[in-house]
Amino acid sequence: MIRFSCVSCGYEFQSVGIVYLCPVCKNDKNNGFQKGILSVKYEPKNNAKRNSMVEPNSFLPIAIHNSNSLKVGNTPLLEPTYLREEVGLPNLFIKNESLNPSGSLKDRASLLIAEQAILHNEQKIVLASTGNAGSAMACISATYGLKTVLFIPETAPKEKIAQAKFFGASVIPIQGTYDDAYKLSIEFTERFGGINRNTAYNPFTIEGKKTVSIELYNQLGFKAPDIIYIPAGDGVIYAAVCKGFIDLKQEGLIDRLPQCILVQAKGSDAIVRSWREKRDLILDKTDSIADSISVNSPANAEMAIGYLLKTNSWGVSISDEEILDSQKKLATKAGIFVEPSAAAAWAGLESDLRNKLINRDMNVVVLATGSGFKDMNRIKKSNNGLISCTNNIYAVRGYLKN
């Protein structure tokens, strides 16, 4: 029996079945953010010891039985020497989630949804995605013998679409936005069955992603960081990171919560603007190169804003130019190749450094959520200006001077 609580109305209930939205307020219409988003209530076990390793999967609502088929999580926490010196943060870390099986943090949620499907004897998983969640679900489904039906906006990066198809997903490109694909995927599930994996809509997505925080606790020497930078689109990864640390605190393993900084692209910053203006704000359209965090109506905005307040944190909006500069900096000065949405977290850190919001003695973590190989279009364009060098050693010297 799993206990759920509604973020909007506070209603609590228990269920053994598949649950999506709050039965009380899911149909409330106020032209604002989605109401009725559910959070899984963590029940402290009181058997974990301080200053010792804890198992991230022990914080999940259902067991992971198939973990040896495909290794999800346990990604490295990097100590980027060159970047530490450049920005003046000796305790700077980068959590590199691009080394998950499909190349993004979203494998964590997909693993738990696959286990949910097996538990309920479902063979089909349905979702909408701009790419990463879809390829993650297709990847994990392949190891479980499950079928993935993926609705994806036709403008999504071709690499992400190809990856999902190659893992065996049924990919349906939609003439419209991610929000259009999201609504259609829910209608498909209601009519034709299967488990819906949409972020926030299925509360287990947050539970799966929160394991990144438990890993950080282990990797940082059994403590939370002082501050962590998290890219956000619909707000699920952000909420998951916060909930992971909140669950650790409930278990008595940490005494304080880190400040969790929510970073969005200026062309898609509905959550940051809503937090600042203290009102629901749905965008008419989005405009950002960071496709993974480009959302008009963020499904998990209400929960994300609640966690911003609970962790005494703030939101940051950054430009596409800052994102591209950060992507290049992470590659050339730390050897980490991330997609634009992941680079947004680093851009948020640099913005706060300029505004002197960070103490140099802080333990700072930047969450790098996805691989750069997922969106190669702009990288390829940067190579278009290369001119071949004459096959001569003296010409090479001149070539390098130019």
Protein backbone atom coordinates (compact mmCIF):
# COMPACT_ATOMS: atom_id res chain seq x y z
CA MET A 1 0.00 0.00 0.00
CA ILE A 2 1.44 3.36 -1.06
CA ARG A 3 0.37 6.68 0.40
CA PHE A 4 -0.06 9.71 -1.84
CA SER A 5 -0.66 13.38 -1.08
CA CYS A 6 -1.98 16.05 -3.44
CA VAL A 7 0.23 19.09 -3.95
CA SER A 8 -2.80 21.28 -4.74
CA CYS A 9 -5.44 20.40 -2.13
CA GLY A 10 -3.50 18.32 0.41
CA TYR A 11 -5.78 15.27 0.11
CA GLU A 12 -4.05 12.07 1.28
CA PHE A 13 -5.00 8.51 0.40
CA GLN A 14 -3.55 5.04 0.00
CA SER A 15 -3.62 2.82 -3.07
CA VAL A 16 -2.17 -0.41 -4.38
CA GLY A 17 -3.15 0.39 -7.97
CA ILE A 18 -1.80 2.70 -10.65
CA VAL A 19 -2.50 6.30 -9.65
CA TYR A 20 -1.94 9.46 -11.68
CA LEU A 21 -3.69 12.62 -10.45
CA CYS A 22 -5.61 13.53 -7.30
CA PRO A 23 -9.20 12.18 -7.44
CA VAL A 24 -10.47 15.31 -5.67
CA CYS A 25 -9.07 18.22 -7.67
CA LYS A 26 -7.59 16.83 -10.91
CA ASN A 27 -10.39 18.37 -12.98
CA ASP A 28 -10.20 21.84 -11.44
CA LYS A 29 -10.04 24.44 -14.20
CA ASN A 30 -8.54 27.84 -13.45
CA ASN A 31 -6.44 28.54 -16.57
CA GLY A 32 -3.36 28.01 -14.43
CA PHE A 33 -0.97 25.15 -13.80
CA GLN A 34 -2.10 21.54 -13.74
CA LYS A 35 -3.83 20.77 -10.46
CA GLY A 36 -3.90 17.46 -8.66
CA ILE A 37 -0.23 16.48 -9.06
CA LEU A 38 0.58 13.78 -6.52
CA SER A 39 3.59 13.19 -4.31
CA VAL A 40 4.46 9.78 -2.86
CA LYS A 41 4.67 10.02 0.93
CA TYR A 42 7.98 8.69 2.17
CA GLU A 43 7.70 6.47 5.24
CA PRO A 44 10.95 6.65 7.29
CA LYS A 45 12.41 3.25 8.01
CA ASN A 46 14.65 4.40 10.87
CA ASN A 47 17.23 1.73 10.16
CA ALA A 48 19.85 3.74 8.24
CA LYS A 49 22.99 4.75 10.09
CA ARG A 50 24.64 8.14 9.79
CA ASN A 51 28.08 8.36 8.20
CA SER A 52 27.64 5.15 6.27
CA MET A 53 26.55 4.20 2.75
CA VAL A 54 22.83 4.00 2.04
CA GLU A 55 21.19 2.22 -0.88
CA PRO A 56 19.37 4.72 -3.12
CA ASN A 57 16.79 2.13 -4.17
CA SER A 58 15.79 1.63 -0.53
CA PHE A 59 14.07 5.03 -0.72
CA LEU A 60 11.75 3.91 -3.55
CA PRO A 61 8.06 2.96 -3.11
CA ILE A 62 8.48 -0.37 -4.94
CA ALA A 63 11.43 -2.71 -5.29
CA ILE A 64 13.84 -2.78 -8.24
CA HIS A 65 14.23 -6.43 -9.29
CA ASN A 66 15.97 -6.07 -12.63
CA SER A 67 18.87 -3.80 -11.70
CA ASN A 68 21.55 -6.17 -12.98
CA SER A 69 20.15 -6.19 -16.52
CA LEU A 70 21.09 -2.57 -17.10
CA LYS A 71 23.07 -0.38 -14.72
CA VAL A 72 21.19 2.84 -14.05
CA GLY A 73 22.60 5.48 -11.73
CA ASN A 74 25.85 5.38 -9.79
CA THR A 75 27.10 8.12 -12.10
CA PRO A 76 30.39 9.89 -11.27
CA LEU A 77 30.68 13.01 -9.15
CA LEU A 78 33.49 14.91 -10.86
CA GLU A 79 35.95 17.36 -9.33
CA PRO A 80 36.83 19.66 -12.27
CA THR A 81 40.27 21.01 -11.33
CA TYR A 82 40.57 23.60 -14.09
CA LEU A 83 37.05 24.98 -13.62
CA ARG A 84 37.48 25.08 -9.84
CA GLU A 85 40.48 27.35 -10.27
CA GLU A 86 38.85 29.52 -12.92
CA VAL A 87 35.66 30.28 -10.98
CA GLY A 88 37.26 30.29 -7.53
CA LEU A 89 35.22 27.44 -6.05
CA PRO A 90 37.55 24.84 -4.53
CA ASN A 91 34.59 22.65 -3.52
CA LEU A 92 32.85 22.54 -6.90
CA PHE A 93 31.46 19.24 -8.19
CA ILE A 94 29.68 18.15 -11.37
CA LYS A 95 27.31 15.17 -11.25
CA ASN A 96 27.59 13.66 -14.73
CA GLU A 97 24.25 12.02 -15.51
CA SER A 98 25.11 11.71 -19.20
CA LEU A 99 26.77 8.38 -18.35
CA ASN A 100 23.45 6.65 -17.70
CA PRO A 101 22.60 3.92 -20.28
CA SER A 102 20.62 6.16 -22.67
CA GLY A 103 22.65 9.25 -21.83
CA SER A 104 20.43 11.16 -19.41
CA LEU A 105 19.16 11.34 -15.84
CA LYS A 106 15.72 10.28 -17.11
CA ASP A 107 16.82 6.64 -17.12
CA ARG A 108 16.26 6.75 -13.34
CA ALA A 109 12.53 7.45 -13.72
CA SER A 110 12.16 5.00 -16.58
CA LEU A 111 13.64 2.16 -14.53
CA LEU A 112 11.01 2.62 -11.84
CA ILE A 113 8.17 2.91 -14.39
CA ALA A 114 9.29 -0.37 -15.97
CA GLU A 115 9.12 -2.03 -12.56
CA GLN A 116 5.67 -0.47 -12.06
CA ALA A 117 4.53 -1.99 -15.36
CA ILE A 118 5.79 -5.46 -14.41
CA LEU A 119 4.14 -5.18 -10.98
CA HIS A 120 0.76 -4.46 -12.59
CA ASN A 121 1.13 -6.91 -15.48
CA GLU A 122 1.23 -4.16 -18.09
CA GLN A 123 3.24 -4.63 -21.26
CA LYS A 124 2.89 -1.17 -22.80
CA ILE A 125 4.27 2.17 -21.60
CA VAL A 126 3.05 5.41 -23.18
CA LEU A 127 4.60 8.88 -22.93
CA ALA A 128 5.26 12.22 -24.54
CA SER A 129 8.79 13.56 -24.72
CA THR A 130 11.03 16.08 -26.42
CA GLY A 131 13.51 13.22 -26.69
CA ASN A 132 15.35 12.23 -23.53
CA ALA A 133 12.48 10.64 -21.61
CA GLY A 134 11.44 8.79 -24.74
CA SER A 135 14.86 7.33 -25.48
CA ALA A 136 15.30 6.51 -21.78
CA MET A 137 12.00 4.65 -21.62
CA ALA A 138 12.71 2.80 -24.86
CA CYS A 139 16.15 1.81 -23.56
CA ILE A 140 14.88 0.48 -20.23
CA SER A 141 11.85 -1.18 -21.85
CA ALA A 142 14.19 -3.15 -24.09
CA THR A 143 15.70 -4.90 -21.05
CA TYR A 144 12.25 -5.71 -19.62
CA GLY A 145 10.59 -6.89 -22.84
CA LEU A 146 8.11 -4.00 -22.70
CA LYS A 147 6.64 -1.92 -25.51
CA THR A 148 7.13 1.88 -25.60
CA VAL A 149 4.72 4.17 -27.47
CA LEU A 150 6.31 7.59 -27.79
CA PHE A 151 4.60 10.83 -28.85
CA ILE A 152 7.20 13.42 -29.78
CA PRO A 153 7.05 16.88 -31.38
CA GLU A 154 8.33 16.72 -34.94
CA THR A 155 10.84 19.46 -34.11
CA ALA A 156 12.70 17.29 -31.60
CA PRO A 157 16.40 16.64 -32.33
CA LYS A 158 16.76 13.85 -34.89
CA GLU A 159 19.37 12.11 -32.74
CA LYS A 160 16.85 11.66 -29.94
CA ILE A 161 14.13 10.38 -32.26
CA ALA A 162 16.58 7.95 -33.88
CA GLN A 163 17.80 6.71 -30.51
CA ALA A 164 14.27 5.91 -29.31
CA LYS A 165 13.43 4.12 -32.57
CA PHE A 166 16.65 2.11 -32.46
CA PHE A 167 15.81 0.91 -28.95
CA GLY A 168 12.53 -0.39 -30.37
CA ALA A 169 9.96 2.29 -29.48
CA SER A 170 6.92 3.04 -31.65
CA VAL A 171 7.64 6.72 -32.35
CA ILE A 172 4.80 9.04 -33.39
CA PRO A 173 6.00 12.55 -34.42
CA ILE A 174 3.30 15.13 -33.69
CA GLN A 175 2.64 18.32 -35.65
CA GLY A 176 2.70 20.58 -32.62
CA THR A 177 4.47 21.28 -29.35
CA TYR A 178 5.51 19.04 -26.48
CA ASP A 179 2.34 20.13 -24.69
CA ASP A 180 0.28 18.84 -27.64
CA ALA A 181 2.12 15.52 -27.57
CA TYR A 182 1.59 15.32 -23.79
CA LYS A 183 -2.20 15.69 -24.07
CA LEU A 184 -2.41 13.20 -26.92
CA SER A 185 -0.40 10.59 -25.02
CA ILE A 186 -2.77 10.81 -22.06
CA GLU A 187 -5.80 10.42 -24.33
CA PHE A 188 -4.12 7.41 -25.94
CA THR A 189 -3.57 5.76 -22.54
CA GLU A 190 -7.16 6.40 -21.49
CA ARG A 191 -8.52 4.86 -24.69
CA PHE A 192 -6.08 2.04 -25.38
CA GLY A 193 -4.49 1.22 -22.02
CA GLY A 194 -0.92 0.82 -20.84
CA ILE A 195 0.96 2.75 -18.17
CA ASN A 196 1.52 6.44 -18.79
CA ARG A 197 5.05 7.57 -17.94
CA ASN A 198 4.55 11.31 -18.42
CA THR A 199 6.57 13.33 -15.96
CA ALA A 200 4.57 14.61 -12.98
CA TYR A 201 1.43 12.91 -14.33
CA ASN A 202 2.85 9.60 -13.06
CA PRO A 203 4.17 10.35 -9.53
CA PHE A 204 6.67 7.50 -9.77
CA THR A 205 8.76 9.59 -12.20
CA ILE A 206 9.73 11.89 -9.33
CA GLU A 207 10.50 8.91 -7.11
CA GLY A 208 12.85 7.39 -9.67
CA LYS A 209 14.73 10.62 -10.29
CA LYS A 210 15.21 11.42 -6.60
CA THR A 211 17.82 8.64 -6.33
CA VAL A 212 20.36 11.13 -7.72
CA SER A 213 20.18 13.00 -4.39
CA ILE A 214 20.75 9.82 -2.38
CA GLU A 215 23.83 9.10 -4.48
CA LEU A 216 25.12 12.61 -3.90
CA TYR A 217 24.74 12.08 -0.15
CA ASN A 218 26.98 8.99 -0.41
CA GLN A 219 29.51 10.59 -2.76
CA LEU A 220 29.92 13.79 -0.72
CA GLY A 221 30.91 11.86 2.39
CA PHE A 222 27.43 11.36 3.88
CA LYS A 223 26.22 14.93 3.74
CA ALA A 224 24.21 17.20 1.48
CA PRO A 225 25.85 19.90 -0.63
CA ASP A 226 25.39 23.50 0.38
CA ILE A 227 23.91 24.41 -2.99
CA ILE A 228 22.98 22.56 -6.18
CA TYR A 229 22.11 23.89 -9.66
CA ILE A 230 19.37 22.06 -11.54
CA PRO A 231 18.04 22.72 -15.07
CA ALA A 232 14.24 22.78 -15.26
CA GLY A 233 11.53 22.53 -17.88
CA ASP A 234 8.40 20.99 -16.42
CA GLY A 235 10.00 20.98 -12.96
CA VAL A 236 10.11 17.23 -12.31
CA ILE A 237 13.87 16.78 -12.07
CA TYR A 238 14.01 19.82 -9.83
CA ALA A 239 11.26 18.50 -7.53
CA ALA A 240 12.87 15.05 -7.50
CA VAL A 241 16.25 16.41 -6.36
CA CYS A 242 14.55 18.38 -3.59
CA LYS A 243 12.43 15.41 -2.50
CA GLY A 244 15.46 13.16 -2.34
CA PHE A 245 17.12 15.46 0.19
CA ILE A 246 13.85 15.92 2.09
CA ASP A 247 13.53 12.13 2.38
CA LEU A 248 17.12 11.93 3.65
CA LYS A 249 16.25 14.51 6.29
CA GLN A 250 13.12 12.56 7.27
CA GLU A 251 15.29 9.48 7.68
CA GLY A 252 17.52 11.46 10.05
CA LEU A 253 20.59 11.27 7.82
CA ILE A 254 21.01 15.01 7.26
CA ASP A 255 20.13 17.97 9.49
CA ARG A 256 19.55 20.61 6.82
CA LEU A 257 18.40 20.85 3.23
CA PRO A 258 20.66 22.26 0.51
CA GLN A 259 19.63 25.31 -1.45
CA CYS A 260 18.30 23.94 -4.73
CA ILE A 261 18.57 26.50 -7.54
CA LEU A 262 16.09 26.13 -10.41
CA VAL A 263 17.54 27.21 -13.77
CA GLN A 264 15.47 27.88 -16.89
CA ALA A 265 16.08 29.29 -20.34
CA LYS A 266 14.68 32.82 -20.74
CA GLY A 267 12.58 31.68 -23.68
CA SER A 268 10.90 29.03 -21.53
CA ASP A 269 10.93 30.26 -17.94
CA ALA A 270 7.32 29.91 -16.80
CA ILE A 271 8.32 28.51 -13.39
CA VAL A 272 10.91 31.18 -12.60
CA ARG A 273 8.57 33.98 -13.63
CA SER A 274 5.66 32.47 -11.71
CA TRP A 275 7.82 32.20 -8.59
CA ARG A 276 8.93 35.82 -8.94
CA GLU A 277 5.46 37.19 -9.70
CA LYS A 278 3.62 34.87 -7.27
CA ARG A 279 1.07 33.75 -9.85
CA ASP A 280 0.51 30.98 -12.38
CA LEU A 281 2.00 31.94 -15.71
CA ILE A 282 1.58 29.79 -18.81
CA LEU A 283 3.56 30.88 -21.86
CA ASP A 284 1.93 31.39 -25.24
CA LYS A 285 5.02 29.95 -26.88
CA THR A 286 8.57 28.99 -26.03
CA ASP A 287 11.77 29.94 -27.79
CA SER A 288 14.97 28.23 -26.70
CA ILE A 289 17.69 26.04 -28.15
CA ALA A 290 17.43 23.90 -24.98
CA ASP A 291 14.66 21.63 -26.25
CA SER A 292 14.65 19.35 -23.20
CA ILE A 293 13.59 22.22 -20.94
CA SER A 294 11.34 24.04 -23.40
CA VAL A 295 7.75 23.82 -22.12
CA ASN A 296 4.80 26.22 -22.40
CA SER A 297 2.82 24.88 -19.46
CA PRO A 298 5.13 23.08 -17.01
CA ALA A 299 3.26 20.11 -15.56
CA ASN A 300 5.05 20.14 -12.22
CA ALA A 301 5.29 23.89 -11.66
CA GLU A 302 3.19 23.95 -8.51
CA MET A 303 5.34 21.35 -6.76
CA ALA A 304 8.57 22.95 -7.98
CA ILE A 305 7.61 26.37 -6.63
CA GLY A 306 6.66 24.79 -3.31
CA TYR A 307 10.11 23.22 -3.08
CA LEU A 308 11.78 26.51 -4.00
CA LEU A 309 10.19 27.99 -0.90
CA LYS A 310 10.82 24.96 1.31
CA THR A 311 14.55 24.89 0.50
CA ASN A 312 14.97 28.67 0.78
CA SER A 313 16.11 28.74 -2.83
CA TRP A 314 15.59 30.80 -5.97
CA GLY A 315 15.11 30.59 -9.72
CA VAL A 316 17.45 31.84 -12.44
CA SER A 317 16.64 32.65 -16.09
CA ILE A 318 19.52 32.52 -18.54
CA SER A 319 19.83 33.32 -22.24
CA ASP A 320 20.52 30.89 -25.08
CA GLU A 321 23.88 32.62 -25.58
CA GLU A 322 24.82 31.85 -21.98
CA ILE A 323 23.73 28.25 -22.48
CA LEU A 324 25.91 27.83 -25.58
CA ASP A 325 28.88 29.47 -23.86
CA SER A 326 28.44 27.10 -20.93
CA GLN A 327 28.19 24.06 -23.19
CA LYS A 328 31.49 25.05 -24.81
CA LYS A 329 33.15 25.80 -21.46
CA LEU A 330 32.20 22.44 -19.96
CA ALA A 331 33.59 20.70 -23.03
CA THR A 332 36.85 22.62 -23.37
CA LYS A 333 37.68 23.10 -19.70
CA ALA A 334 36.26 19.99 -18.04
CA GLY A 335 35.99 17.46 -20.87
CA ILE A 336 32.24 17.07 -20.30
CA PHE A 337 30.05 17.08 -23.41
CA VAL A 338 26.46 17.94 -22.46
CA GLU A 339 23.39 19.02 -24.42
CA PRO A 340 22.17 22.64 -24.13
CA SER A 341 19.53 21.91 -21.48
CA ALA A 342 22.18 20.36 -19.22
CA ALA A 343 24.54 23.26 -19.82
CA ALA A 344 21.84 25.58 -18.47
CA ALA A 345 22.74 24.48 -14.93
CA TRP A 346 26.31 25.72 -15.37
CA ALA A 347 25.03 28.98 -16.87
CA GLY A 348 22.88 29.45 -13.77
CA LEU A 349 25.92 28.99 -11.53
CA GLU A 350 27.92 31.56 -13.48
CA SER A 351 25.02 34.01 -13.31
CA ASP A 352 24.93 33.70 -9.53
CA LEU A 353 28.71 34.06 -9.34
CA ARG A 354 28.44 37.35 -11.20
CA ASN A 355 25.72 38.46 -8.79
CA LYS A 356 27.86 37.36 -5.82
CA LEU A 357 25.25 34.97 -4.44
CA ILE A 358 27.72 32.17 -3.68
CA ASN A 359 30.32 31.88 -0.95
CA ARG A 360 33.59 30.37 -2.20
CA ASP A 361 33.69 27.95 0.73
CA MET A 362 30.39 26.33 -0.24
CA ASN A 363 30.12 22.75 -1.48
CA VAL A 364 28.57 23.43 -4.90
CA VAL A 365 27.10 20.76 -7.20
CA VAL A 366 26.10 21.31 -10.83
CA LEU A 367 23.74 18.67 -12.20
CA ALA A 368 24.67 17.76 -15.79
CA THR A 369 21.52 15.98 -16.91
CA GLY A 370 22.13 14.79 -20.50
CA SER A 371 24.75 13.98 -23.12
CA GLY A 372 25.70 16.36 -25.92
CA PHE A 373 25.50 13.49 -28.39
CA LYS A 374 21.71 13.79 -28.13
CA ASP A 375 21.67 17.07 -30.06
CA MET A 376 24.52 17.30 -32.56
CA ASN A 377 22.98 19.73 -35.04
CA ARG A 378 24.62 22.89 -33.68
CA ILE A 379 27.91 21.08 -33.09
CA LYS A 380 27.96 19.99 -36.73
CA LYS A 381 27.29 23.55 -37.87
CA SER A 382 30.34 24.80 -35.97
CA ASN A 383 32.53 22.55 -38.13
CA ASN A 384 31.14 23.83 -41.44
CA GLY A 385 33.79 26.56 -41.71
CA LEU A 386 36.79 24.21 -41.61
CA ILE A 387 39.10 24.51 -44.62
CA SER A 388 41.48 21.68 -45.46
CA CYS A 389 45.17 22.26 -44.88
CA THR A 390 47.80 21.59 -47.55
CA ASN A 391 49.63 18.32 -46.93
CA ASN A 392 52.83 20.10 -45.83
CA ILE A 393 54.37 20.59 -42.38
CA TYR A 394 55.07 24.28 -43.00
CA ALA A 395 51.47 24.82 -44.05
CA VAL A 396 50.41 23.21 -40.77
CA ARG A 397 52.34 25.86 -38.81
CA GLY A 398 50.57 28.62 -40.72
CA TYR A 399 47.24 26.87 -40.29
CA LEU A 400 47.62 26.80 -36.52
CA LYS A 401 48.46 30.51 -36.41
CA ASN A 402 45.22 31.46 -38.16
